[in-house]
C-alpha atoms as a PDB file:
ATOM      1  CA  MET A   1      46.684 -13.994  21.810  1.00  0.00           C
ATOM      2  CA  ALA A   2      45.515 -10.730  23.637  1.00  0.00           C
ATOM      3  CA  ASP A   3      42.725 -11.989  26.496  1.00  0.00           C
ATOM      4  CA  LEU A   4      39.339 -10.579  24.275  1.00  0.00           C
ATOM      5  CA  ILE A   5      36.827  -9.630  26.339  1.00  0.00           C
ATOM      6  CA  TYR A   6      34.556  -8.682  23.952  1.00  0.00           C
ATOM      7  CA  ARG A   7      33.466 -11.453  21.353  1.00  0.00           C
ATOM      8  CA  PRO A   8      29.850 -10.049  19.546  1.00  0.00           C
ATOM      9  CA  ARG A   9      30.354 -13.500  17.532  1.00  0.00           C
ATOM     10  CA  ARG A  10      28.718 -15.372  21.050  1.00  0.00           C
ATOM     11  CA  LEU A  11      25.682 -13.959  20.115  1.00  0.00           C
ATOM     12  CA  ARG A  12      25.574 -15.790  16.432  1.00  0.00           C
ATOM     13  CA  THR A  13      26.716 -18.920  17.594  1.00  0.00           C
ATOM     14  CA  THR A  14      23.801 -20.529  16.663  1.00  0.00           C
ATOM     15  CA  GLN A  15      20.035 -20.499  15.006  1.00  0.00           C
ATOM     16  CA  LEU A  16      18.143 -20.040  18.732  1.00  0.00           C
ATOM     17  CA  VAL A  17      21.011 -17.923  20.186  1.00  0.00           C
ATOM     18  CA  ARG A  18      20.439 -15.526  16.887  1.00  0.00           C
ATOM     19  CA  ASP A  19      17.048 -15.712  17.209  1.00  0.00           C
ATOM     20  CA  MET A  20      17.013 -15.380  20.860  1.00  0.00           C
ATOM     21  CA  ALA A  21      18.889 -11.992  20.178  1.00  0.00           C
ATOM     22  CA  ALA A  22      17.223 -10.738  17.252  1.00  0.00           C
ATOM     23  CA  GLU A  23      16.500  -6.467  17.237  1.00  0.00           C
ATOM     24  CA  THR A  24      13.496  -7.074  14.615  1.00  0.00           C
ATOM     25  CA  ARG A  25      11.159  -9.955  14.203  1.00  0.00           C
ATOM     26  CA  LEU A  26       9.172  -9.958  11.254  1.00  0.00           C
ATOM     27  CA  SER A  27       4.666 -10.448  11.774  1.00  0.00           C
ATOM     28  CA  ALA A  28       2.295 -11.279   9.381  1.00  0.00           C
ATOM     29  CA  ARG A  29      -0.479  -9.187  11.712  1.00  0.00           C
ATOM     30  CA  SER A  30       1.955  -5.905  10.809  1.00  0.00           C
ATOM     31  CA  MET A  31       1.757  -6.872   7.459  1.00  0.00           C
ATOM     32  CA  ILE A  32      -1.193  -5.796   4.549  1.00  0.00           C
ATOM     33  CA  GLN A  33      -1.583  -7.708   1.547  1.00  0.00           C
ATOM     34  CA  VAL A  34      -2.512  -5.619  -1.816  1.00  0.00           C
ATOM     35  CA  TYR A  35      -5.367  -6.916  -4.289  1.00  0.00           C
ATOM     36  CA  PHE A  36      -6.709  -5.932  -7.687  1.00  0.00           C
ATOM     37  CA  VAL A  37     -10.489  -5.726  -7.933  1.00  0.00           C
ATOM     38  CA  CYS A  38     -11.405  -5.537 -11.635  1.00  0.00           C
ATOM     39  CA  GLU A  39     -15.018  -5.528 -12.892  1.00  0.00           C
ATOM     40  CA  GLY A  40     -17.026  -8.419 -14.419  1.00  0.00           C
ATOM     41  CA  LYS A  41     -17.689 -11.984 -13.348  1.00  0.00           C
ATOM     42  CA  ASN A  42     -15.540 -14.882 -13.167  1.00  0.00           C
ATOM     43  CA  VAL A  43     -12.448 -12.684 -14.081  1.00  0.00           C
ATOM     44  CA  ARG A  44      -9.280 -13.976 -12.628  1.00  0.00           C
ATOM     45  CA  ASN A  45      -6.361 -12.606 -15.005  1.00  0.00           C
ATOM     46  CA  GLU A  46      -2.502 -13.043 -13.902  1.00  0.00           C
ATOM     47  CA  VAL A  47      -0.268  -9.456 -14.450  1.00  0.00           C
ATOM     48  CA  GLY A  48       2.457 -10.225 -16.093  1.00  0.00           C
ATOM     49  CA  SER A  49       4.564  -8.533 -15.242  1.00  0.00           C
ATOM     50  CA  LEU A  50       3.748  -9.438 -11.262  1.00  0.00           C
ATOM     51  CA  PRO A  51       3.876 -13.455 -11.129  1.00  0.00           C
ATOM     52  CA  GLY A  52       1.888 -14.475  -8.332  1.00  0.00           C
ATOM     53  CA  VAL A  53      -1.014 -11.543  -8.770  1.00  0.00           C
ATOM     54  CA  TYR A  54      -3.986 -11.053 -10.213  1.00  0.00           C
ATOM     55  CA  ARG A  55      -6.808  -8.484 -11.246  1.00  0.00           C
ATOM     56  CA  GLU A  56     -10.192 -10.158 -10.131  1.00  0.00           C
ATOM     57  CA  SER A  57     -13.735  -9.005 -10.355  1.00  0.00           C
ATOM     58  CA  PRO A  58     -15.122  -9.445  -7.084  1.00  0.00           C
ATOM     59  CA  ASP A  59     -16.845 -13.027  -7.246  1.00  0.00           C
ATOM     60  CA  ALA A  60     -13.474 -14.547  -8.089  1.00  0.00           C
ATOM     61  CA  LEU A  61     -12.093 -11.855  -5.485  1.00  0.00           C
ATOM     62  CA  MET A  62     -13.732 -13.560  -2.081  1.00  0.00           C
ATOM     63  CA  LYS A  63     -12.470 -16.781  -3.351  1.00  0.00           C
ATOM     64  CA  SER A  64      -8.787 -15.938  -3.142  1.00  0.00           C
ATOM     65  CA  ILE A  65     -10.025 -13.938  -0.256  1.00  0.00           C
ATOM     66  CA  SER A  66     -10.937 -16.434   1.265  1.00  0.00           C
ATOM     67  CA  ASN A  67      -8.370 -18.662   0.597  1.00  0.00           C
ATOM     68  CA  ASP A  68      -5.675 -15.923   1.917  1.00  0.00           C
ATOM     69  CA  VAL A  69      -8.080 -15.671   5.070  1.00  0.00           C
ATOM     70  CA  ARG A  70      -7.456 -19.397   5.779  1.00  0.00           C
ATOM     71  CA  LEU A  71      -4.016 -19.161   5.395  1.00  0.00           C
ATOM     72  CA  GLY A  72      -3.959 -16.492   7.987  1.00  0.00           C
ATOM     73  CA  ILE A  73      -4.412 -12.991   6.489  1.00  0.00           C
ATOM     74  CA  ARG A  74      -6.796 -10.298   8.145  1.00  0.00           C
ATOM     75  CA  ARG A  75      -5.715  -6.962   6.611  1.00  0.00           C
ATOM     76  CA  ILE A  76      -6.032  -6.576   3.063  1.00  0.00           C
ATOM     77  CA  MET A  77      -5.473  -3.035   0.803  1.00  0.00           C
ATOM     78  CA  LEU A  78      -7.792  -3.173  -2.735  1.00  0.00           C
ATOM     79  CA  PHE A  79      -6.668  -1.397  -5.463  1.00  0.00           C
ATOM     80  CA  GLY A  80      -9.847  -0.858  -8.592  1.00  0.00           C
ATOM     81  CA  VAL A  81      -9.361  -1.306 -12.064  1.00  0.00           C
ATOM     82  CA  PRO A  82     -12.867  -0.089 -13.838  1.00  0.00           C
ATOM     83  CA  GLU A  83     -13.780  -0.756 -17.421  1.00  0.00           C
ATOM     84  CA  LYS A  84     -14.748   2.964 -18.533  1.00  0.00           C
ATOM     85  CA  LYS A  85     -12.315   5.743 -17.489  1.00  0.00           C
ATOM     86  CA  ASP A  86     -12.689   9.565 -18.312  1.00  0.00           C
ATOM     87  CA  ALA A  87     -12.067  12.998 -16.930  1.00  0.00           C
ATOM     88  CA  SER A  88     -12.605  13.470 -13.712  1.00  0.00           C
ATOM     89  CA  GLY A  89     -12.527  10.006 -12.979  1.00  0.00           C
ATOM     90  CA  SER A  90     -16.483  10.151 -11.955  1.00  0.00           C
ATOM     91  CA  GLY A  91     -16.288   5.690 -11.777  1.00  0.00           C
ATOM     92  CA  VAL A  92     -15.037   6.708  -8.292  1.00  0.00           C
ATOM     93  CA  LEU A  93     -18.408   7.796  -7.239  1.00  0.00           C
ATOM     94  CA  ARG A  94     -20.539   4.988  -8.171  1.00  0.00           C
ATOM     95  CA  ASP A  95     -21.916   3.232  -4.688  1.00  0.00           C
ATOM     96  CA  ASP A  96     -22.175   0.191  -6.824  1.00  0.00           C
ATOM     97  CA  SER A  97     -18.395   0.191  -8.128  1.00  0.00           C
ATOM     98  CA  CYS A  98     -16.199  -3.224  -8.326  1.00  0.00           C
ATOM     99  CA  VAL A  99     -14.490  -1.981  -5.342  1.00  0.00           C
ATOM    100  CA  ASN A 100     -17.539  -1.146  -2.921  1.00  0.00           C
ATOM    101  CA  GLN A 101     -19.131  -3.939  -3.916  1.00  0.00           C
ATOM    102  CA  THR A 102     -16.234  -6.645  -2.745  1.00  0.00           C
ATOM    103  CA  ILE A 103     -15.975  -3.934   0.849  1.00  0.00           C
ATOM    104  CA  LYS A 104     -19.915  -4.662   1.094  1.00  0.00           C
ATOM    105  CA  ARG A 105     -19.289  -8.603   0.515  1.00  0.00           C
ATOM    106  CA  LEU A 106     -16.064  -8.944   2.661  1.00  0.00           C
ATOM    107  CA  LYS A 107     -17.413  -7.134   5.766  1.00  0.00           C
ATOM    108  CA  ASP A 108     -20.619  -9.230   4.922  1.00  0.00           C
ATOM    109  CA  LYS A 109     -18.824 -11.883   5.207  1.00  0.00           C
ATOM    110  CA  TYR A 110     -15.595 -11.557   7.872  1.00  0.00           C
ATOM    111  CA  ALA A 111     -16.799  -8.091   9.872  1.00  0.00           C
ATOM    112  CA  ASN A 112     -14.360  -7.226  12.039  1.00  0.00           C
ATOM    113  CA  ASP A 113     -11.895 -10.362  10.669  1.00  0.00           C
ATOM    114  CA  LEU A 114     -11.084  -8.804   8.087  1.00  0.00           C
ATOM    115  CA  PHE A 115      -9.516  -5.300   8.506  1.00  0.00           C
ATOM    116  CA  VAL A 116     -10.504  -4.055   4.897  1.00  0.00           C
ATOM    117  CA  SER A 117      -8.483  -0.756   3.470  1.00  0.00           C
ATOM    118  CA  VAL A 118      -8.863   1.007   0.373  1.00  0.00           C
ATOM    119  CA  ASP A 119      -6.761   2.701  -1.802  1.00  0.00           C
ATOM    120  CA  ILE A 120      -8.063   6.282  -2.784  1.00  0.00           C
ATOM    121  CA  CYS A 121      -6.640   8.212  -5.426  1.00  0.00           C
ATOM    122  CA  LEU A 122      -8.095   8.809  -9.864  1.00  0.00           C
ATOM    123  CA  CYS A 123      -5.841   7.719 -10.940  1.00  0.00           C
ATOM    124  CA  SER A 124      -6.895   3.922 -12.965  1.00  0.00           C
ATOM    125  CA  TYR A 125      -9.870   5.960 -13.046  1.00  0.00           C
ATOM    126  CA  THR A 126      -9.566   9.153 -15.172  1.00  0.00           C
ATOM    127  CA  ASP A 127      -8.542   8.763 -19.132  1.00  0.00           C
ATOM    128  CA  THR A 128      -4.873  10.348 -18.422  1.00  0.00           C
ATOM    129  CA  GLY A 129      -3.725   8.218 -16.084  1.00  0.00           C
ATOM    130  CA  HIS A 130      -3.087  10.750 -13.780  1.00  0.00           C
ATOM    131  CA  CYS A 131      -4.139  10.968  -9.984  1.00  0.00           C
ATOM    132  CA  GLY A 132      -6.524  14.075 -10.462  1.00  0.00           C
ATOM    133  CA  VAL A 133      -8.379  16.224 -12.582  1.00  0.00           C
ATOM    134  CA  ALA A 134      -6.273  17.980 -15.637  1.00  0.00           C
ATOM    135  CA  VAL A 135      -7.582  20.872 -16.577  1.00  0.00           C
ATOM    136  CA  ASP A 136      -5.344  22.479 -19.837  1.00  0.00           C
ATOM    137  CA  GLY A 137      -2.525  20.041 -18.827  1.00  0.00           C
ATOM    138  CA  ARG A 138      -2.300  20.765 -15.562  1.00  0.00           C
ATOM    139  CA  ILE A 139      -3.721  18.734 -12.178  1.00  0.00           C
ATOM    140  CA  ASP A 140      -6.440  20.168 -10.670  1.00  0.00           C
ATOM    141  CA  ASN A 141      -5.906  20.194  -7.145  1.00  0.00           C
ATOM    142  CA  ASP A 142      -8.982  21.392  -4.907  1.00  0.00           C
ATOM    143  CA  ARG A 143     -10.964  19.836  -7.638  1.00  0.00           C
ATOM    144  CA  THR A 144      -9.500  16.906  -6.924  1.00  0.00           C
ATOM    145  CA  ILE A 145      -9.811  16.224  -3.520  1.00  0.00           C
ATOM    146  CA  GLU A 146     -13.754  17.060  -3.365  1.00  0.00           C
ATOM    147  CA  ILE A 147     -13.956  14.386  -5.237  1.00  0.00           C
ATOM    148  CA  LEU A 148     -11.257  12.688  -3.030  1.00  0.00           C
ATOM    149  CA  ARG A 149     -13.258  13.050  -0.017  1.00  0.00           C
ATOM    150  CA  ASP A 150     -16.618  11.535  -1.723  1.00  0.00           C
ATOM    151  CA  MET A 151     -14.506   8.521  -2.772  1.00  0.00           C
ATOM    152  CA  ALA A 152     -13.973   8.015   0.332  1.00  0.00           C
ATOM    153  CA  VAL A 153     -17.203   8.719   2.304  1.00  0.00           C
ATOM    154  CA  LEU A 154     -18.209   5.848  -0.211  1.00  0.00           C
ATOM    155  CA  SER A 155     -16.352   2.987   0.541  1.00  0.00           C
ATOM    156  CA  ALA A 156     -16.997   4.192   4.090  1.00  0.00           C
ATOM    157  CA  LYS A 157     -20.296   3.572   3.789  1.00  0.00           C
ATOM    158  CA  ALA A 158     -19.242   0.905   1.895  1.00  0.00           C
ATOM    159  CA  GLY A 159     -18.411  -1.129   5.091  1.00  0.00           C
ATOM    160  CA  CYS A 160     -14.014  -0.138   5.020  1.00  0.00           C
ATOM    161  CA  ASP A 161     -12.150   0.579   7.851  1.00  0.00           C
ATOM    162  CA  CYS A 162      -9.786   2.476   6.609  1.00  0.00           C
ATOM    163  CA  VAL A 163      -9.129   5.007   3.558  1.00  0.00           C
ATOM    164  CA  ALA A 164      -5.638   5.515   2.046  1.00  0.00           C
ATOM    165  CA  PRO A 165      -5.575   8.571  -0.091  1.00  0.00           C
ATOM    166  CA  SER A 166      -2.145   8.179  -2.678  1.00  0.00           C
ATOM    167  CA  ASP A 167      -2.658  10.984  -4.770  1.00  0.00           C
ATOM    168  CA  MET A 168      -0.301  13.691  -3.070  1.00  0.00           C
ATOM    169  CA  MET A 169      -2.659  16.520  -3.594  1.00  0.00           C
ATOM    170  CA  ASP A 170      -2.592  19.440  -1.148  1.00  0.00           C
ATOM    171  CA  GLY A 171      -5.273  19.501   1.599  1.00  0.00           C
ATOM    172  CA  ARG A 172      -6.751  15.958   0.554  1.00  0.00           C
ATOM    173  CA  VAL A 173      -6.383  14.399   4.568  1.00  0.00           C
ATOM    174  CA  GLY A 174      -7.861  17.769   5.630  1.00  0.00           C
ATOM    175  CA  GLU A 175     -10.902  17.281   2.888  1.00  0.00           C
ATOM    176  CA  ILE A 176     -11.276  13.314   3.281  1.00  0.00           C
ATOM    177  CA  ARG A 177     -11.090  13.994   7.260  1.00  0.00           C
ATOM    178  CA  ASN A 178     -14.164  16.726   7.391  1.00  0.00           C
ATOM    179  CA  GLY A 179     -15.685  14.594   4.861  1.00  0.00           C
ATOM    180  CA  LEU A 180     -16.459  11.448   6.795  1.00  0.00           C
ATOM    181  CA  ASP A 181     -17.005  13.084  10.105  1.00  0.00           C
ATOM    182  CA  ASP A 182     -19.647  14.922   8.414  1.00  0.00           C
ATOM    183  CA  GLU A 183     -21.320  11.275   7.295  1.00  0.00           C
ATOM    184  CA  GLY A 184     -20.351   9.693  10.959  1.00  0.00           C
ATOM    185  CA  PHE A 185     -17.589   7.834  10.055  1.00  0.00           C
ATOM    186  CA  THR A 186     -15.484   9.344  12.810  1.00  0.00           C
ATOM    187  CA  GLU A 187     -13.779   6.209  13.568  1.00  0.00           C
ATOM    188  CA  THR A 188     -13.131   5.705   9.713  1.00  0.00           C
ATOM    189  CA  LEU A 189      -8.533   5.716   9.673  1.00  0.00           C
ATOM    190  CA  ILE A 190      -6.876   7.121   7.203  1.00  0.00           C
ATOM    191  CA  MET A 191      -3.352   5.488   6.165  1.00  0.00           C
ATOM    192  CA  ALA A 192      -2.346   8.437   4.367  1.00  0.00           C
ATOM    193  CA  TYR A 193       0.558   7.960   1.232  1.00  0.00           C
ATOM    194  CA  SER A 194       2.241  10.890   2.968  1.00  0.00           C
ATOM    195  CA  ALA A 195       6.028  10.678   1.507  1.00  0.00           C
ATOM    196  CA  LYS A 196       5.505   9.001  -2.077  1.00  0.00           C
ATOM    197  CA  TYR A 197       7.600   9.625  -4.940  1.00  0.00           C
ATOM    198  CA  ALA A 198       7.878  10.121  -8.334  1.00  0.00           C
ATOM    199  CA  SER A 199       9.201   6.693  -8.680  1.00  0.00           C
ATOM    200  CA  GLY A 200      10.633   4.723 -11.199  1.00  0.00           C
ATOM    201  CA  TYR A 201       9.909   1.161  -8.712  1.00  0.00           C
ATOM    202  CA  TYR A 202       5.775   1.526 -10.257  1.00  0.00           C
ATOM    203  CA  GLY A 203       5.941   0.078 -13.672  1.00  0.00           C
ATOM    204  CA  PRO A 204       3.872  -3.879 -12.935  1.00  0.00           C
ATOM    205  CA  PHE A 205       1.753  -1.583 -10.656  1.00  0.00           C
ATOM    206  CA  ARG A 206       0.698   0.580 -13.625  1.00  0.00           C
ATOM    207  CA  GLU A 207       0.098  -2.632 -15.322  1.00  0.00           C
ATOM    208  CA  ALA A 208      -1.558  -3.837 -12.965  1.00  0.00           C
ATOM    209  CA  ALA A 209      -4.067  -1.236 -12.367  1.00  0.00           C
ATOM    210  CA  ASP A 210      -4.344   0.408 -16.064  1.00  0.00           C
ATOM    211  CA  CYS A 211      -3.052   3.649 -14.969  1.00  0.00           C
ATOM    212  CA  ALA A 212       0.661   5.543 -16.862  1.00  0.00           C
ATOM    213  CA  PRO A 213       0.083   8.428 -17.425  1.00  0.00           C
ATOM    214  CA  LYS A 214      -1.266   9.561 -20.818  1.00  0.00           C
ATOM    215  CA  PHE A 215       0.429  12.700 -21.015  1.00  0.00           C
ATOM    216  CA  GLY A 216       3.419  14.045 -19.519  1.00  0.00           C
ATOM    217  CA  ASP A 217       4.761  12.544 -15.913  1.00  0.00           C
ATOM    218  CA  ARG A 218       3.770  12.475 -12.040  1.00  0.00           C
ATOM    219  CA  ARG A 219       6.460  15.068 -10.665  1.00  0.00           C
ATOM    220  CA  SER A 220       4.296  17.852 -10.524  1.00  0.00           C
ATOM    221  CA  TYR A 221       2.658  16.146  -6.995  1.00  0.00           C
ATOM    222  CA  GLN A 222       4.314  13.043  -5.910  1.00  0.00           C
ATOM    223  CA  MET A 223       7.323  14.013  -4.076  1.00  0.00           C
ATOM    224  CA  ASP A 224      11.397  14.475  -6.112  1.00  0.00           C
ATOM    225  CA  PHE A 225      13.638  11.348  -4.648  1.00  0.00           C
ATOM    226  CA  ARG A 226      15.824  14.191  -3.850  1.00  0.00           C
ATOM    227  CA  ASN A 227      14.468  15.520  -1.215  1.00  0.00           C
ATOM    228  CA  SER A 228      14.276  14.024   2.510  1.00  0.00           C
ATOM    229  CA  ARG A 229      13.378  17.142   4.524  1.00  0.00           C
ATOM    230  CA  GLU A 230      10.435  18.192   3.028  1.00  0.00           C
ATOM    231  CA  ALA A 231       8.882  14.006   3.539  1.00  0.00           C
ATOM    232  CA  LEU A 232       8.902  15.917   7.282  1.00  0.00           C
ATOM    233  CA  LYS A 233       7.164  18.494   6.348  1.00  0.00           C
ATOM    234  CA  GLU A 234       4.618  16.534   4.345  1.00  0.00           C
ATOM    235  CA  VAL A 235       4.153  13.658   7.473  1.00  0.00           C
ATOM    236  CA  ALA A 236       3.429  16.294   9.246  1.00  0.00           C
ATOM    237  CA  LEU A 237       0.494  18.076   7.529  1.00  0.00           C
ATOM    238  CA  ASP A 238      -1.166  15.442   6.740  1.00  0.00           C
ATOM    239  CA  LEU A 239      -1.309  14.421  10.885  1.00  0.00           C
ATOM    240  CA  GLU A 240      -2.228  17.785  11.066  1.00  0.00           C
ATOM    241  CA  GLU A 241      -5.065  17.343   8.914  1.00  0.00           C
ATOM    242  CA  GLY A 242      -5.814  14.128  10.704  1.00  0.00           C
ATOM    243  CA  ALA A 243      -4.049  11.479   9.280  1.00  0.00           C
ATOM    244  CA  ASP A 244      -4.158   8.330  12.028  1.00  0.00           C
ATOM    245  CA  ILE A 245      -1.103   6.584  10.041  1.00  0.00           C
ATOM    246  CA  VAL A 246       1.088   7.722   7.836  1.00  0.00           C
ATOM    247  CA  MET A 247       3.267   5.884   4.579  1.00  0.00           C
ATOM    248  CA  VAL A 248       6.118   6.008   3.103  1.00  0.00           C
ATOM    249  CA  LYS A 249       6.394   5.395  -0.743  1.00  0.00           C
ATOM    250  CA  PRO A 250       8.319   2.871  -2.045  1.00  0.00           C
ATOM    251  CA  ALA A 251      10.525   1.189   0.975  1.00  0.00           C
ATOM    252  CA  LEU A 252      13.261   0.040  -0.253  1.00  0.00           C
ATOM    253  CA  ALA A 253      15.234   2.834  -2.278  1.00  0.00           C
ATOM    254  CA  TYR A 254      13.936   5.226   0.948  1.00  0.00           C
ATOM    255  CA  LEU A 255      14.752   3.013   4.503  1.00  0.00           C
ATOM    256  CA  ASP A 256      16.239   6.785   5.478  1.00  0.00           C
ATOM    257  CA  ILE A 257      13.136   8.339   5.055  1.00  0.00           C
ATOM    258  CA  ILE A 258      11.297   5.608   6.267  1.00  0.00           C
ATOM    259  CA  SER A 259      13.726   6.477   9.742  1.00  0.00           C
ATOM    260  CA  ALA A 260      13.658   9.742   9.875  1.00  0.00           C
ATOM    261  CA  VAL A 261       9.822   9.903   9.913  1.00  0.00           C
ATOM    262  CA  ARG A 262       9.839   7.280  12.576  1.00  0.00           C
ATOM    263  CA  ALA A 263      12.090   9.468  14.506  1.00  0.00           C
ATOM    264  CA  ALA A 264      10.331  12.587  14.229  1.00  0.00           C
ATOM    265  CA  PHE A 265       6.907  11.513  14.660  1.00  0.00           C
ATOM    266  CA  ASP A 266       5.117   8.779  17.245  1.00  0.00           C
ATOM    267  CA  SER A 267       2.106   7.621  14.989  1.00  0.00           C
ATOM    268  CA  PRO A 268       2.445   4.478  13.550  1.00  0.00           C
ATOM    269  CA  VAL A 269       4.765   4.307   9.938  1.00  0.00           C
ATOM    270  CA  ALA A 270       3.432   2.901   7.123  1.00  0.00           C
ATOM    271  CA  ALA A 271       6.138   1.494   4.388  1.00  0.00           C
ATOM    272  CA  PHE A 272       4.395   0.627   1.081  1.00  0.00           C
ATOM    273  CA  ASN A 273       6.765  -2.214  -0.612  1.00  0.00           C
ATOM    274  CA  VAL A 274       5.852  -1.859  -4.642  1.00  0.00           C
ATOM    275  CA  SER A 275       5.411  -3.541  -7.080  1.00  0.00           C
ATOM    276  CA  GLY A 276       9.301  -2.647  -9.039  1.00  0.00           C
ATOM    277  CA  GLU A 277      10.120  -4.008  -5.568  1.00  0.00           C
ATOM    278  CA  TYR A 278       8.505  -7.415  -5.622  1.00  0.00           C
ATOM    279  CA  ALA A 279       9.279  -7.463  -9.394  1.00  0.00           C
ATOM    280  CA  MET A 280      13.011  -7.631  -8.611  1.00  0.00           C
ATOM    281  CA  VAL A 281      12.989 -10.738  -6.431  1.00  0.00           C
ATOM    282  CA  LYS A 282      10.590 -13.037  -8.510  1.00  0.00           C
ATOM    283  CA  LEU A 283      12.418 -11.878 -11.124  1.00  0.00           C
ATOM    284  CA  LEU A 284      16.116 -12.962  -9.271  1.00  0.00           C
ATOM    285  CA  ALA A 285      14.437 -15.964  -8.138  1.00  0.00           C
ATOM    286  CA  ARG A 286      12.895 -17.120 -11.313  1.00  0.00           C
ATOM    287  CA  GLU A 287      16.535 -16.630 -12.571  1.00  0.00           C
ATOM    288  CA  GLY A 288      18.599 -18.904 -10.397  1.00  0.00           C
ATOM    289  CA  TYR A 289      20.159 -15.719  -9.075  1.00  0.00           C
ATOM    290  CA  ALA A 290      18.884 -15.779  -5.512  1.00  0.00           C
ATOM    291  CA  ASP A 291      17.008 -17.524  -3.248  1.00  0.00           C
ATOM    292  CA  GLU A 292      13.285 -15.980  -2.806  1.00  0.00           C
ATOM    293  CA  LYS A 293      12.556 -16.531   0.641  1.00  0.00           C
ATOM    294  CA  GLN A 294      15.675 -14.820   1.874  1.00  0.00           C
ATOM    295  CA  LEU A 295      15.481 -12.072  -0.526  1.00  0.00           C
ATOM    296  CA  VAL A 296      12.005 -11.823   0.569  1.00  0.00           C
ATOM    297  CA  ILE A 297      12.551 -11.600   4.346  1.00  0.00           C
ATOM    298  CA  GLU A 298      15.598  -9.962   4.050  1.00  0.00           C
ATOM    299  CA  ASN A 299      14.077  -7.252   2.455  1.00  0.00           C
ATOM    300  CA  LEU A 300      11.196  -6.900   4.502  1.00  0.00           C
ATOM    301  CA  THR A 301      13.097  -6.896   7.723  1.00  0.00           C
ATOM    302  CA  ALA A 302      15.084  -3.930   6.555  1.00  0.00           C
ATOM    303  CA  ILE A 303      11.825  -1.889   6.065  1.00  0.00           C
ATOM    304  CA  ALA A 304      10.960  -3.015   9.841  1.00  0.00           C
ATOM    305  CA  ARG A 305      14.393  -2.455  10.684  1.00  0.00           C
ATOM    306  CA  ALA A 306      14.471   1.294   9.684  1.00  0.00           C
ATOM    307  CA  GLY A 307      11.276   2.247  11.413  1.00  0.00           C
ATOM    308  CA  ALA A 308       8.373   0.503   9.850  1.00  0.00           C
ATOM    309  CA  ASP A 309       5.955  -0.534  11.771  1.00  0.00           C
ATOM    310  CA  ILE A 310       3.119  -1.108   8.840  1.00  0.00           C
ATOM    311  CA  ILE A 311       4.122  -2.743   5.508  1.00  0.00           C
ATOM    312  CA  LEU A 312       2.469  -3.349   2.971  1.00  0.00           C
ATOM    313  CA  THR A 313       3.590  -6.403   0.417  1.00  0.00           C
ATOM    314  CA  TYR A 314       2.504  -8.182  -2.386  1.00  0.00           C
ATOM    315  CA  HIS A 315       4.910 -11.108  -0.414  1.00  0.00           C
ATOM    316  CA  LEU A 316       2.517 -11.949   2.770  1.00  0.00           C
ATOM    317  CA  ARG A 317       0.145 -14.687   0.460  1.00  0.00           C
ATOM    318  CA  ASP A 318       3.454 -16.169  -0.375  1.00  0.00           C
ATOM    319  CA  ILE A 319       5.388 -15.789   3.121  1.00  0.00           C
ATOM    320  CA  LEU A 320       2.520 -17.681   4.983  1.00  0.00           C
ATOM    321  CA  LYS A 321       2.056 -20.346   1.917  1.00  0.00           C
ATOM    322  CA  ASN A 322       4.930 -21.313   2.540  1.00  0.00           C
ATOM    323  CA  GLY A 323       6.044 -21.150   5.882  1.00  0.00           C
ATOM    324  CA  TRP A 324       8.835 -18.562   5.787  1.00  0.00           C
ATOM    325  CA  LEU A 325       8.099 -16.203   9.067  1.00  0.00           C
ATOM    326  CA  ASP A 326       7.494 -20.394  11.165  1.00  0.00           C
ATOM    327  CA  GLU A 327      10.512 -20.351  14.025  1.00  0.00           C
END
């Protein structure tokens, strides 16, 4: 046998060596846990398609987050699920909405010890289930971004650290940045869903947020999954308009997009490990086809390896509860 100078397997011999030489390292500090807040009291209803994920009223959610903070969760994203919906999504303009109530309670209790971000979108507030105001069967871009601006300002007044517009309307980041700055919220972060694709992976989320479109689909504003160069254009526009963090959504089927965004821009890049990706892992684990820990860590590592600095995920609670990141 010829002498082998290069033996890459030497760096794979034991777990200690593999950990030492690992190129990508997951940390809970770079992850954001997702929550759904609904109206009422003492409400905690599990979402059928998302095992371990709940729709919770503000009082119940405070208890859940208190437990999660003890686990080590320090960064969260809130999605609102109102009881009443209308054509313009007017529920987002209530300073006492279930989301804004929750923000106030969380910041009163945790102050800067908990990073609170909130989704800025109309989909769960409109009776059409669309992310904007529908006029004659079309989504009115400019009317929508004015409402989103006011929604973001109200959430900032409630005390959130970060607003995250997920609607994919043109110009909404600039409108929101101007609205926040005009009201004195110059330090409120904008984490823009910059490259959000029209995807088949959102089904469980739409059950959780009760926001399936009542007509048509969202392809006139969410991105075509056949496009990649367009994602870079969207990211560039959002950064020009004042986004602090840009996001790619979904994550696993769009690792190439995450990588391209990371290579092209210096700003922090987030990726959303979405509901369908979470549900698939839970289903495979439940049926005994795969080990849940291995799938979760492998999937999230792939997202980080592609270039995501921040990962939004439903898995973080399980990761910390089960010690899956323990060395």
